[in-house]
PDB file of N, CA and C in Angstrom:
ATOM      1  N   MET A   1      17.259  81.582  42.713  1.00  0.00           N
ATOM      2  CA  MET A   1      16.852  80.735  43.820  1.00  0.00           C
ATOM      3  C   MET A   1      15.739  79.813  43.335  1.00  0.00           C
ATOM      4  N   GLY A   2      15.888  78.519  43.625  1.00  0.00           N
ATOM      5  CA  GLY A   2      14.908  77.538  43.209  1.00  0.00           C
ATOM      6  C   GLY A   2      13.651  77.600  44.061  1.00  0.00           C
ATOM      7  N   LYS A   3      12.727  76.743  43.722  1.00  0.00           N
ATOM      8  CA  LYS A   3      11.463  76.672  44.444  1.00  0.00           C
ATOM      9  C   LYS A   3      11.723  76.218  45.877  1.00  0.00           C
ATOM     10  N   THR A   4      11.116  76.905  46.828  1.00  0.00           N
ATOM     11  CA  THR A   4      11.265  76.570  48.229  1.00  0.00           C
ATOM     12  C   THR A   4      10.047  75.789  48.692  1.00  0.00           C
ATOM     13  N   TYR A   5      10.299  74.667  49.338  1.00  0.00           N
ATOM     14  CA  TYR A   5       9.216  73.860  49.877  1.00  0.00           C
ATOM     15  C   TYR A   5       9.283  73.896  51.388  1.00  0.00           C
ATOM     16  N   LEU A   6       8.117  73.867  51.999  1.00  0.00           N
ATOM     17  CA  LEU A   6       8.043  73.874  53.451  1.00  0.00           C
ATOM     18  C   LEU A   6       7.292  72.655  53.944  1.00  0.00           C
ATOM     19  N   GLY A   7       7.765  72.124  55.063  1.00  0.00           N
ATOM     20  CA  GLY A   7       7.008  71.094  55.749  1.00  0.00           C
ATOM     21  C   GLY A   7       5.875  71.762  56.525  1.00  0.00           C
ATOM     22  N   GLU A   8       4.975  70.945  57.037  1.00  0.00           N
ATOM     23  CA  GLU A   8       3.809  71.472  57.753  1.00  0.00           C
ATOM     24  C   GLU A   8       4.232  72.324  58.947  1.00  0.00           C
ATOM     25  N   PHE A   9       5.215  71.850  59.716  1.00  0.00           N
ATOM     26  CA  PHE A   9       5.626  72.593  60.904  1.00  0.00           C
ATOM     27  C   PHE A   9       6.351  73.882  60.519  1.00  0.00           C
ATOM     28  N   GLU A  10       7.137  73.836  59.472  1.00  0.00           N
ATOM     29  CA  GLU A  10       7.799  75.059  59.002  1.00  0.00           C
ATOM     30  C   GLU A  10       6.765  76.100  58.588  1.00  0.00           C
ATOM     31  N   GLU A  11       5.761  75.661  57.872  1.00  0.00           N
ATOM     32  CA  GLU A  11       4.706  76.589  57.445  1.00  0.00           C
ATOM     33  C   GLU A  11       3.983  77.177  58.653  1.00  0.00           C
ATOM     34  N   LEU A  12       3.722  76.328  59.644  1.00  0.00           N
ATOM     35  CA  LEU A  12       3.049  76.791  60.857  1.00  0.00           C
ATOM     36  C   LEU A  12       3.891  77.851  61.573  1.00  0.00           C
ATOM     37  N   VAL A  13       5.173  77.584  61.752  1.00  0.00           N
ATOM     38  CA  VAL A  13       6.044  78.528  62.457  1.00  0.00           C
ATOM     39  C   VAL A  13       6.196  79.818  61.649  1.00  0.00           C
ATOM     40  N   LEU A  14       6.356  79.697  60.351  1.00  0.00           N
ATOM     41  CA  LEU A  14       6.464  80.893  59.507  1.00  0.00           C
ATOM     42  C   LEU A  14       5.196  81.745  59.607  1.00  0.00           C
ATOM     43  N   THR A  15       4.061  81.089  59.605  1.00  0.00           N
ATOM     44  CA  THR A  15       2.791  81.810  59.738  1.00  0.00           C
ATOM     45  C   THR A  15       2.719  82.526  61.085  1.00  0.00           C
ATOM     46  N   MET A  16       3.155  81.875  62.132  1.00  0.00           N
ATOM     47  CA  MET A  16       3.124  82.496  63.465  1.00  0.00           C
ATOM     48  C   MET A  16       4.081  83.685  63.535  1.00  0.00           C
ATOM     49  N   VAL A  17       5.213  83.601  62.870  1.00  0.00           N
ATOM     50  CA  VAL A  17       6.125  84.757  62.829  1.00  0.00           C
ATOM     51  C   VAL A  17       5.411  85.932  62.180  1.00  0.00           C
ATOM     52  N   GLY A  18       4.693  85.664  61.109  1.00  0.00           N
ATOM     53  CA  GLY A  18       3.946  86.735  60.439  1.00  0.00           C
ATOM     54  C   GLY A  18       2.851  87.299  61.318  1.00  0.00           C
ATOM     55  N   ILE A  19       2.157  86.438  62.050  1.00  0.00           N
ATOM     56  CA  ILE A  19       1.061  86.886  62.920  1.00  0.00           C
ATOM     57  C   ILE A  19       1.589  87.715  64.085  1.00  0.00           C
ATOM     58  N   LEU A  20       2.682  87.275  64.694  1.00  0.00           N
ATOM     59  CA  LEU A  20       3.192  87.938  65.900  1.00  0.00           C
ATOM     60  C   LEU A  20       3.947  89.227  65.619  1.00  0.00           C
ATOM     61  N   GLY A  21       4.414  89.402  64.403  1.00  0.00           N
ATOM     62  CA  GLY A  21       5.134  90.640  64.068  1.00  0.00           C
ATOM     63  C   GLY A  21       6.363  90.840  64.932  1.00  0.00           C
ATOM     64  N   GLU A  22       6.447  91.983  65.590  1.00  0.00           N
ATOM     65  CA  GLU A  22       7.629  92.315  66.375  1.00  0.00           C
ATOM     66  C   GLU A  22       7.737  91.530  67.676  1.00  0.00           C
ATOM     67  N   GLU A  23       6.740  90.724  67.980  1.00  0.00           N
ATOM     68  CA  GLU A  23       6.768  89.895  69.196  1.00  0.00           C
ATOM     69  C   GLU A  23       7.074  88.439  68.874  1.00  0.00           C
ATOM     70  N   ALA A  24       7.649  88.186  67.705  1.00  0.00           N
ATOM     71  CA  ALA A  24       7.913  86.808  67.276  1.00  0.00           C
ATOM     72  C   ALA A  24       9.250  86.323  67.803  1.00  0.00           C
ATOM     73  N   TYR A  25       9.213  85.599  68.887  1.00  0.00           N
ATOM     74  CA  TYR A  25      10.392  84.923  69.426  1.00  0.00           C
ATOM     75  C   TYR A  25       9.948  83.548  69.894  1.00  0.00           C
ATOM     76  N   GLY A  26      10.893  82.698  70.211  1.00  0.00           N
ATOM     77  CA  GLY A  26      10.607  81.296  70.475  1.00  0.00           C
ATOM     78  C   GLY A  26       9.433  81.020  71.396  1.00  0.00           C
ATOM     79  N   ASN A  27       9.486  81.515  72.621  1.00  0.00           N
ATOM     80  CA  ASN A  27       8.414  81.229  73.586  1.00  0.00           C
ATOM     81  C   ASN A  27       7.068  81.788  73.141  1.00  0.00           C
ATOM     82  N   ALA A  28       7.071  82.966  72.536  1.00  0.00           N
ATOM     83  CA  ALA A  28       5.816  83.563  72.073  1.00  0.00           C
ATOM     84  C   ALA A  28       5.184  82.693  70.982  1.00  0.00           C
ATOM     85  N   ILE A  29       6.008  82.134  70.128  1.00  0.00           N
ATOM     86  CA  ILE A  29       5.499  81.265  69.063  1.00  0.00           C
ATOM     87  C   ILE A  29       4.916  79.989  69.654  1.00  0.00           C
ATOM     88  N   VAL A  30       5.615  79.415  70.635  1.00  0.00           N
ATOM     89  CA  VAL A  30       5.101  78.213  71.308  1.00  0.00           C
ATOM     90  C   VAL A  30       3.733  78.499  71.922  1.00  0.00           C
ATOM     91  N   GLU A  31       3.612  79.617  72.624  1.00  0.00           N
ATOM     92  CA  GLU A  31       2.353  79.970  73.277  1.00  0.00           C
ATOM     93  C   GLU A  31       1.247  80.251  72.258  1.00  0.00           C
ATOM     94  N   GLU A  32       1.590  80.911  71.170  1.00  0.00           N
ATOM     95  CA  GLU A  32       0.601  81.236  70.144  1.00  0.00           C
ATOM     96  C   GLU A  32       0.041  79.959  69.513  1.00  0.00           C
ATOM     97  N   ILE A  33       0.914  79.005  69.242  1.00  0.00           N
ATOM     98  CA  ILE A  33       0.469  77.734  68.655  1.00  0.00           C
ATOM     99  C   ILE A  33      -0.444  77.001  69.651  1.00  0.00           C
ATOM    100  N   LYS A  34      -0.052  77.040  70.914  1.00  0.00           N
ATOM    101  CA  LYS A  34      -0.859  76.370  71.938  1.00  0.00           C
ATOM    102  C   LYS A  34      -2.244  77.008  72.056  1.00  0.00           C
ATOM    103  N   GLN A  35      -2.291  78.317  72.092  1.00  0.00           N
ATOM    104  CA  GLN A  35      -3.568  79.015  72.269  1.00  0.00           C
ATOM    105  C   GLN A  35      -4.462  78.918  71.037  1.00  0.00           C
ATOM    106  N   ARG A  36      -3.886  79.116  69.875  1.00  0.00           N
ATOM    107  CA  ARG A  36      -4.705  79.171  68.654  1.00  0.00           C
ATOM    108  C   ARG A  36      -5.074  77.797  68.107  1.00  0.00           C
ATOM    109  N   LEU A  37      -4.191  76.808  68.308  1.00  0.00           N
ATOM    110  CA  LEU A  37      -4.413  75.504  67.695  1.00  0.00           C
ATOM    111  C   LEU A  37      -4.564  74.375  68.700  1.00  0.00           C
ATOM    112  N   ASP A  38      -4.467  74.712  69.996  1.00  0.00           N
ATOM    113  CA  ASP A  38      -4.542  73.689  71.042  1.00  0.00           C
ATOM    114  C   ASP A  38      -3.552  72.560  70.745  1.00  0.00           C
ATOM    115  N   ARG A  39      -2.352  72.984  70.394  1.00  0.00           N
ATOM    116  CA  ARG A  39      -1.307  72.024  70.014  1.00  0.00           C
ATOM    117  C   ARG A  39      -0.059  72.315  70.831  1.00  0.00           C
ATOM    118  N   LYS A  40       0.446  71.300  71.461  1.00  0.00           N
ATOM    119  CA  LYS A  40       1.641  71.453  72.277  1.00  0.00           C
ATOM    120  C   LYS A  40       2.864  71.233  71.402  1.00  0.00           C
ATOM    121  N   VAL A  41       3.797  72.192  71.418  1.00  0.00           N
ATOM    122  CA  VAL A  41       5.020  72.065  70.635  1.00  0.00           C
ATOM    123  C   VAL A  41       6.215  72.315  71.540  1.00  0.00           C
ATOM    124  N   ASN A  42       7.327  71.785  71.143  1.00  0.00           N
ATOM    125  CA  ASN A  42       8.564  71.880  71.898  1.00  0.00           C
ATOM    126  C   ASN A  42       9.319  73.143  71.506  1.00  0.00           C
ATOM    127  N   LEU A  43       9.805  73.895  72.499  1.00  0.00           N
ATOM    128  CA  LEU A  43      10.543  75.131  72.238  1.00  0.00           C
ATOM    129  C   LEU A  43      11.776  74.875  71.376  1.00  0.00           C
ATOM    130  N   SER A  44      12.476  73.783  71.633  1.00  0.00           N
ATOM    131  CA  SER A  44      13.670  73.475  70.831  1.00  0.00           C
ATOM    132  C   SER A  44      13.301  73.238  69.372  1.00  0.00           C
ATOM    133  N   ALA A  45      12.196  72.567  69.137  1.00  0.00           N
ATOM    134  CA  ALA A  45      11.753  72.320  67.760  1.00  0.00           C
ATOM    135  C   ALA A  45      11.426  73.637  67.061  1.00  0.00           C
ATOM    136  N   VAL A  46      10.838  74.566  67.804  1.00  0.00           N
ATOM    137  CA  VAL A  46      10.527  75.882  67.224  1.00  0.00           C
ATOM    138  C   VAL A  46      11.819  76.613  66.876  1.00  0.00           C
ATOM    139  N   HIS A  47      12.793  76.575  67.787  1.00  0.00           N
ATOM    140  CA  HIS A  47      14.057  77.268  67.517  1.00  0.00           C
ATOM    141  C   HIS A  47      14.764  76.683  66.297  1.00  0.00           C
ATOM    142  N   VAL A  48      14.845  75.372  66.233  1.00  0.00           N
ATOM    143  CA  VAL A  48      15.491  74.723  65.079  1.00  0.00           C
ATOM    144  C   VAL A  48      14.781  75.132  63.788  1.00  0.00           C
ATOM    145  N   THR A  49      13.470  75.165  63.834  1.00  0.00           N
ATOM    146  CA  THR A  49      12.689  75.536  62.645  1.00  0.00           C
ATOM    147  C   THR A  49      12.919  76.993  62.275  1.00  0.00           C
ATOM    148  N   LEU A  50      12.983  77.861  63.266  1.00  0.00           N
ATOM    149  CA  LEU A  50      13.231  79.281  62.982  1.00  0.00           C
ATOM    150  C   LEU A  50      14.581  79.472  62.290  1.00  0.00           C
ATOM    151  N   TYR A  51      15.602  78.779  62.767  1.00  0.00           N
ATOM    152  CA  TYR A  51      16.925  78.923  62.150  1.00  0.00           C
ATOM    153  C   TYR A  51      16.938  78.322  60.744  1.00  0.00           C
ATOM    154  N   ARG A  52      16.180  77.241  60.555  1.00  0.00           N
ATOM    155  CA  ARG A  52      16.091  76.661  59.209  1.00  0.00           C
ATOM    156  C   ARG A  52      15.375  77.635  58.261  1.00  0.00           C
ATOM    157  N   LEU A  53      14.324  78.289  58.757  1.00  0.00           N
ATOM    158  CA  LEU A  53      13.616  79.279  57.942  1.00  0.00           C
ATOM    159  C   LEU A  53      14.529  80.472  57.635  1.00  0.00           C
ATOM    160  N   GLU A  54      15.365  80.812  58.581  1.00  0.00           N
ATOM    161  CA  GLU A  54      16.311  81.906  58.361  1.00  0.00           C
ATOM    162  C   GLU A  54      17.337  81.507  57.302  1.00  0.00           C
ATOM    163  N   ASP A  55      17.815  80.281  57.357  1.00  0.00           N
ATOM    164  CA  ASP A  55      18.754  79.796  56.330  1.00  0.00           C
ATOM    165  C   ASP A  55      18.119  79.824  54.941  1.00  0.00           C
ATOM    166  N   LYS A  56      16.820  79.616  54.875  1.00  0.00           N
ATOM    167  CA  LYS A  56      16.101  79.640  53.600  1.00  0.00           C
ATOM    168  C   LYS A  56      15.757  81.058  53.149  1.00  0.00           C
ATOM    169  N   GLY A  57      16.058  82.034  54.004  1.00  0.00           N
ATOM    170  CA  GLY A  57      15.775  83.428  53.653  1.00  0.00           C
ATOM    171  C   GLY A  57      14.321  83.837  53.848  1.00  0.00           C
ATOM    172  N   LEU A  58      13.577  83.053  54.624  1.00  0.00           N
ATOM    173  CA  LEU A  58      12.157  83.337  54.813  1.00  0.00           C
ATOM    174  C   LEU A  58      11.885  84.180  56.052  1.00  0.00           C
ATOM    175  N   VAL A  59      12.835  84.221  56.969  1.00  0.00           N
ATOM    176  CA  VAL A  59      12.759  85.100  58.135  1.00  0.00           C
ATOM    177  C   VAL A  59      14.134  85.717  58.357  1.00  0.00           C
ATOM    178  N   THR A  60      14.140  86.831  59.065  1.00  0.00           N
ATOM    179  CA  THR A  60      15.381  87.439  59.518  1.00  0.00           C
ATOM    180  C   THR A  60      15.303  87.517  61.038  1.00  0.00           C
ATOM    181  N   SER A  61      16.422  87.755  61.684  1.00  0.00           N
ATOM    182  CA  SER A  61      16.376  87.869  63.139  1.00  0.00           C
ATOM    183  C   SER A  61      17.373  88.895  63.631  1.00  0.00           C
ATOM    184  N   ASP A  62      17.058  89.449  64.779  1.00  0.00           N
ATOM    185  CA  ASP A  62      17.924  90.390  65.488  1.00  0.00           C
ATOM    186  C   ASP A  62      17.755  90.150  66.970  1.00  0.00           C
ATOM    187  N   MET A  63      18.776  90.496  67.725  1.00  0.00           N
ATOM    188  CA  MET A  63      18.677  90.391  69.171  1.00  0.00           C
ATOM    189  C   MET A  63      17.923  91.597  69.707  1.00  0.00           C
ATOM    190  N   GLY A  64      16.913  91.334  70.551  1.00  0.00           N
ATOM    191  CA  GLY A  64      16.171  92.398  71.204  1.00  0.00           C
ATOM    192  C   GLY A  64      16.931  92.884  72.423  1.00  0.00           C
ATOM    193  N   GLY A  65      16.373  93.868  73.088  1.00  0.00           N
ATOM    194  CA  GLY A  65      17.014  94.410  74.276  1.00  0.00           C
ATOM    195  C   GLY A  65      16.818  93.510  75.485  1.00  0.00           C
ATOM    196  N   ALA A  66      17.697  93.661  76.457  1.00  0.00           N
ATOM    197  CA  ALA A  66      17.587  92.900  77.696  1.00  0.00           C
ATOM    198  C   ALA A  66      16.423  93.434  78.519  1.00  0.00           C
ATOM    199  N   THR A  67      15.722  92.520  79.180  1.00  0.00           N
ATOM    200  CA  THR A  67      14.609  92.933  80.029  1.00  0.00           C
ATOM    201  C   THR A  67      14.771  92.346  81.420  1.00  0.00           C
ATOM    202  N   ALA A  68      14.236  93.060  82.401  1.00  0.00           N
ATOM    203  CA  ALA A  68      14.311  92.583  83.782  1.00  0.00           C
ATOM    204  C   ALA A  68      13.495  91.309  83.951  1.00  0.00           C
ATOM    205  N   THR A  69      12.389  91.197  83.208  1.00  0.00           N
ATOM    206  CA  THR A  69      11.536  90.008  83.341  1.00  0.00           C
ATOM    207  C   THR A  69      12.248  88.745  82.882  1.00  0.00           C
ATOM    208  N   ARG A  70      13.269  88.884  82.070  1.00  0.00           N
ATOM    209  CA  ARG A  70      14.036  87.724  81.595  1.00  0.00           C
ATOM    210  C   ARG A  70      15.390  87.658  82.300  1.00  0.00           C
ATOM    211  N   GLY A  71      15.516  88.312  83.432  1.00  0.00           N
ATOM    212  CA  GLY A  71      16.758  88.282  84.190  1.00  0.00           C
ATOM    213  C   GLY A  71      17.904  88.940  83.455  1.00  0.00           C
ATOM    214  N   GLY A  72      17.591  89.926  82.642  1.00  0.00           N
ATOM    215  CA  GLY A  72      18.615  90.650  81.906  1.00  0.00           C
ATOM    216  C   GLY A  72      19.039  89.983  80.609  1.00  0.00           C
ATOM    217  N   ARG A  73      18.417  88.851  80.311  1.00  0.00           N
ATOM    218  CA  ARG A  73      18.769  88.152  79.064  1.00  0.00           C
ATOM    219  C   ARG A  73      18.039  88.794  77.879  1.00  0.00           C
ATOM    220  N   ARG A  74      18.682  88.737  76.755  1.00  0.00           N
ATOM    221  CA  ARG A  74      18.079  89.243  75.526  1.00  0.00           C
ATOM    222  C   ARG A  74      17.383  88.096  74.802  1.00  0.00           C
ATOM    223  N   LYS A  75      16.444  88.427  73.955  1.00  0.00           N
ATOM    224  CA  LYS A  75      15.791  87.394  73.166  1.00  0.00           C
ATOM    225  C   LYS A  75      15.928  87.724  71.686  1.00  0.00           C
ATOM    226  N   ARG A  76      15.980  86.665  70.885  1.00  0.00           N
ATOM    227  CA  ARG A  76      16.112  86.832  69.436  1.00  0.00           C
ATOM    228  C   ARG A  76      14.721  86.995  68.847  1.00  0.00           C
ATOM    229  N   ILE A  77      14.528  88.113  68.170  1.00  0.00           N
ATOM    230  CA  ILE A  77      13.243  88.434  67.549  1.00  0.00           C
ATOM    231  C   ILE A  77      13.325  88.092  66.063  1.00  0.00           C
ATOM    232  N   PHE A  78      12.323  87.380  65.586  1.00  0.00           N
ATOM    233  CA  PHE A  78      12.282  86.978  64.176  1.00  0.00           C
ATOM    234  C   PHE A  78      11.249  87.813  63.432  1.00  0.00           C
ATOM    235  N   LYS A  79      11.540  88.059  62.169  1.00  0.00           N
ATOM    236  CA  LYS A  79      10.642  88.859  61.331  1.00  0.00           C
ATOM    237  C   LYS A  79      10.507  88.158  59.989  1.00  0.00           C
ATOM    238  N   ILE A  80       9.304  88.093  59.498  1.00  0.00           N
ATOM    239  CA  ILE A  80       9.093  87.451  58.205  1.00  0.00           C
ATOM    240  C   ILE A  80       9.683  88.338  57.102  1.00  0.00           C
ATOM    241  N   SER A  81      10.385  87.710  56.177  1.00  0.00           N
ATOM    242  CA  SER A  81      10.994  88.464  55.067  1.00  0.00           C
ATOM    243  C   SER A  81       9.989  88.585  53.917  1.00  0.00           C
ATOM    244  N   ASN A  82      10.322  89.389  52.941  1.00  0.00           N
ATOM    245  CA  ASN A  82       9.448  89.499  51.769  1.00  0.00           C
ATOM    246  C   ASN A  82       9.304  88.152  51.073  1.00  0.00           C
ATOM    247  N   ALA A  83      10.405  87.383  51.022  1.00  0.00           N
ATOM    248  CA  ALA A  83      10.338  86.046  50.417  1.00  0.00           C
ATOM    249  C   ALA A  83       9.407  85.136  51.221  1.00  0.00           C
ATOM    250  N   GLY A  84       9.450  85.243  52.543  1.00  0.00           N
ATOM    251  CA  GLY A  84       8.576  84.438  53.394  1.00  0.00           C
ATOM    252  C   GLY A  84       7.119  84.800  53.208  1.00  0.00           C
ATOM    253  N   LEU A  85       6.841  86.085  53.136  1.00  0.00           N
ATOM    254  CA  LEU A  85       5.459  86.538  52.929  1.00  0.00           C
ATOM    255  C   LEU A  85       4.945  86.106  51.564  1.00  0.00           C
ATOM    256  N   SER A  86       5.797  86.215  50.568  1.00  0.00           N
ATOM    257  CA  SER A  86       5.419  85.800  49.217  1.00  0.00           C
ATOM    258  C   SER A  86       5.133  84.305  49.175  1.00  0.00           C
ATOM    259  N   LEU A  87       5.960  83.521  49.863  1.00  0.00           N
ATOM    260  CA  LEU A  87       5.744  82.074  49.895  1.00  0.00           C
ATOM    261  C   LEU A  87       4.432  81.736  50.594  1.00  0.00           C
ATOM    262  N   LEU A  88       4.129  82.406  51.706  1.00  0.00           N
ATOM    263  CA  LEU A  88       2.857  82.149  52.394  1.00  0.00           C
ATOM    264  C   LEU A  88       1.668  82.478  51.501  1.00  0.00           C
ATOM    265  N   ARG A  89       1.777  83.559  50.757  1.00  0.00           N
ATOM    266  CA  ARG A  89       0.680  83.917  49.823  1.00  0.00           C
ATOM    267  C   ARG A  89       0.509  82.841  48.763  1.00  0.00           C
ATOM    268  N   ASP A  90       1.623  82.349  48.214  1.00  0.00           N
ATOM    269  CA  ASP A  90       1.561  81.284  47.204  1.00  0.00           C
ATOM    270  C   ASP A  90       0.932  80.016  47.780  1.00  0.00           C
ATOM    271  N   LEU A  91       1.335  79.660  48.995  1.00  0.00           N
ATOM    272  CA  LEU A  91       0.781  78.467  49.630  1.00  0.00           C
ATOM    273  C   LEU A  91      -0.715  78.600  49.871  1.00  0.00           C
ATOM    274  N   LYS A  92      -1.140  79.779  50.306  1.00  0.00           N
ATOM    275  CA  LYS A  92      -2.571  80.010  50.534  1.00  0.00           C
ATOM    276  C   LYS A  92      -3.337  79.854  49.224  1.00  0.00           C
ATOM    277  N   GLN A  93      -2.826  80.463  48.176  1.00  0.00           N
ATOM    278  CA  GLN A  93      -3.494  80.387  46.877  1.00  0.00           C
ATOM    279  C   GLN A  93      -3.578  78.937  46.386  1.00  0.00           C
ATOM    280  N   GLN A  94      -2.481  78.193  46.535  1.00  0.00           N
ATOM    281  CA  GLN A  94      -2.481  76.789  46.116  1.00  0.00           C
ATOM    282  C   GLN A  94      -3.522  75.987  46.893  1.00  0.00           C
ATOM    283  N   ARG A  95      -3.580  76.214  48.196  1.00  0.00           N
ATOM    284  CA  ARG A  95      -4.532  75.477  49.022  1.00  0.00           C
ATOM    285  C   ARG A  95      -5.966  75.845  48.688  1.00  0.00           C
ATOM    286  N   MET A  96      -6.222  77.116  48.450  1.00  0.00           N
ATOM    287  CA  MET A  96      -7.576  77.551  48.094  1.00  0.00           C
ATOM    288  C   MET A  96      -8.017  76.919  46.779  1.00  0.00           C
ATOM    289  N   GLN A  97      -7.110  76.816  45.821  1.00  0.00           N
ATOM    290  CA  GLN A  97      -7.444  76.181  44.545  1.00  0.00           C
ATOM    291  C   GLN A  97      -7.795  74.715  44.748  1.00  0.00           C
ATOM    292  N   LEU A  98      -7.077  74.046  45.630  1.00  0.00           N
ATOM    293  CA  LEU A  98      -7.376  72.644  45.901  1.00  0.00           C
ATOM    294  C   LEU A  98      -8.692  72.484  46.657  1.00  0.00           C
ATOM    295  N   TRP A  99      -8.926  73.364  47.637  1.00  0.00           N
ATOM    296  CA  TRP A  99     -10.172  73.293  48.409  1.00  0.00           C
ATOM    297  C   TRP A  99     -11.389  73.474  47.506  1.00  0.00           C
ATOM    298  N   GLU A 100     -11.244  74.326  46.504  1.00  0.00           N
ATOM    299  CA  GLU A 100     -12.363  74.571  45.588  1.00  0.00           C
ATOM    300  C   GLU A 100     -12.670  73.352  44.727  1.00  0.00           C
ATOM    301  N   LEU A 101     -11.753  72.425  44.640  1.00  0.00           N
ATOM    302  CA  LEU A 101     -11.977  71.208  43.857  1.00  0.00           C
ATOM    303  C   LEU A 101     -12.690  70.113  44.646  1.00  0.00           C
ATOM    304  N   LEU A 102     -12.797  70.288  45.960  1.00  0.00           N
ATOM    305  CA  LEU A 102     -13.483  69.292  46.777  1.00  0.00           C
ATOM    306  C   LEU A 102     -14.973  69.319  46.464  1.00  0.00           C
ATOM    307  N   PRO A 103     -15.528  68.213  45.968  1.00  0.00           N
ATOM    308  CA  PRO A 103     -16.954  68.195  45.597  1.00  0.00           C
ATOM    309  C   PRO A 103     -17.876  68.516  46.772  1.00  0.00           C
ATOM    310  N   GLN A 104     -17.486  68.118  47.982  1.00  0.00           N
ATOM    311  CA  GLN A 104     -18.339  68.360  49.143  1.00  0.00           C
ATOM    312  C   GLN A 104     -18.482  69.842  49.461  1.00  0.00           C
ATOM    313  N   LEU A 105     -17.598  70.681  48.932  1.00  0.00           N
ATOM    314  CA  LEU A 105     -17.641  72.107  49.237  1.00  0.00           C
ATOM    315  C   LEU A 105     -18.294  72.934  48.135  1.00  0.00           C
ATOM    316  N   LYS A 106     -18.778  72.288  47.088  1.00  0.00           N
ATOM    317  CA  LYS A 106     -19.419  73.021  46.001  1.00  0.00           C
ATOM    318  C   LYS A 106     -20.907  73.157  46.310  1.00  0.00           C
ATOM    319  N   PHE A 107     -21.210  74.108  47.180  1.00  0.00           N
ATOM    320  CA  PHE A 107     -22.585  74.339  47.599  1.00  0.00           C
ATOM    321  C   PHE A 107     -23.365  75.025  46.477  1.00  0.00           C
ATOM    322  N   GLY A 108     -24.588  74.595  46.279  1.00  0.00           N
ATOM    323  CA  GLY A 108     -25.484  75.260  45.335  1.00  0.00           C
ATOM    324  C   GLY A 108     -25.145  75.036  43.877  1.00  0.00           C
ATOM    325  N   VAL A 109     -24.266  74.108  43.565  1.00  0.00           N
ATOM    326  CA  VAL A 109     -23.901  73.856  42.165  1.00  0.00           C
ATOM    327  C   VAL A 109     -24.729  72.714  41.626  1.00  0.00           C
TER     328      VAL A 109
END
């Protein structure tokens, strides 16, 4: 498998899947982004991104059980895969290396 690249929104959604764990489904991700980043996102955009991440092997999904609060409808729960977690770690490391190169952040040097 070649190098996988993510756009900003893909990285954001993948990160939210990792944060939410077993509660990672479309609406929960939308709400998490809104609460944590004060950013309004479209549910359809989140769903499209989740399926794209699944095609890339970065998340997996399963149908959850039906609940009365959802009128008996089931929801698709997403889970970050080992490849997704590894990619997030690589991205964090790359960003930290770049941040350390910013002259304004070299305090006390």
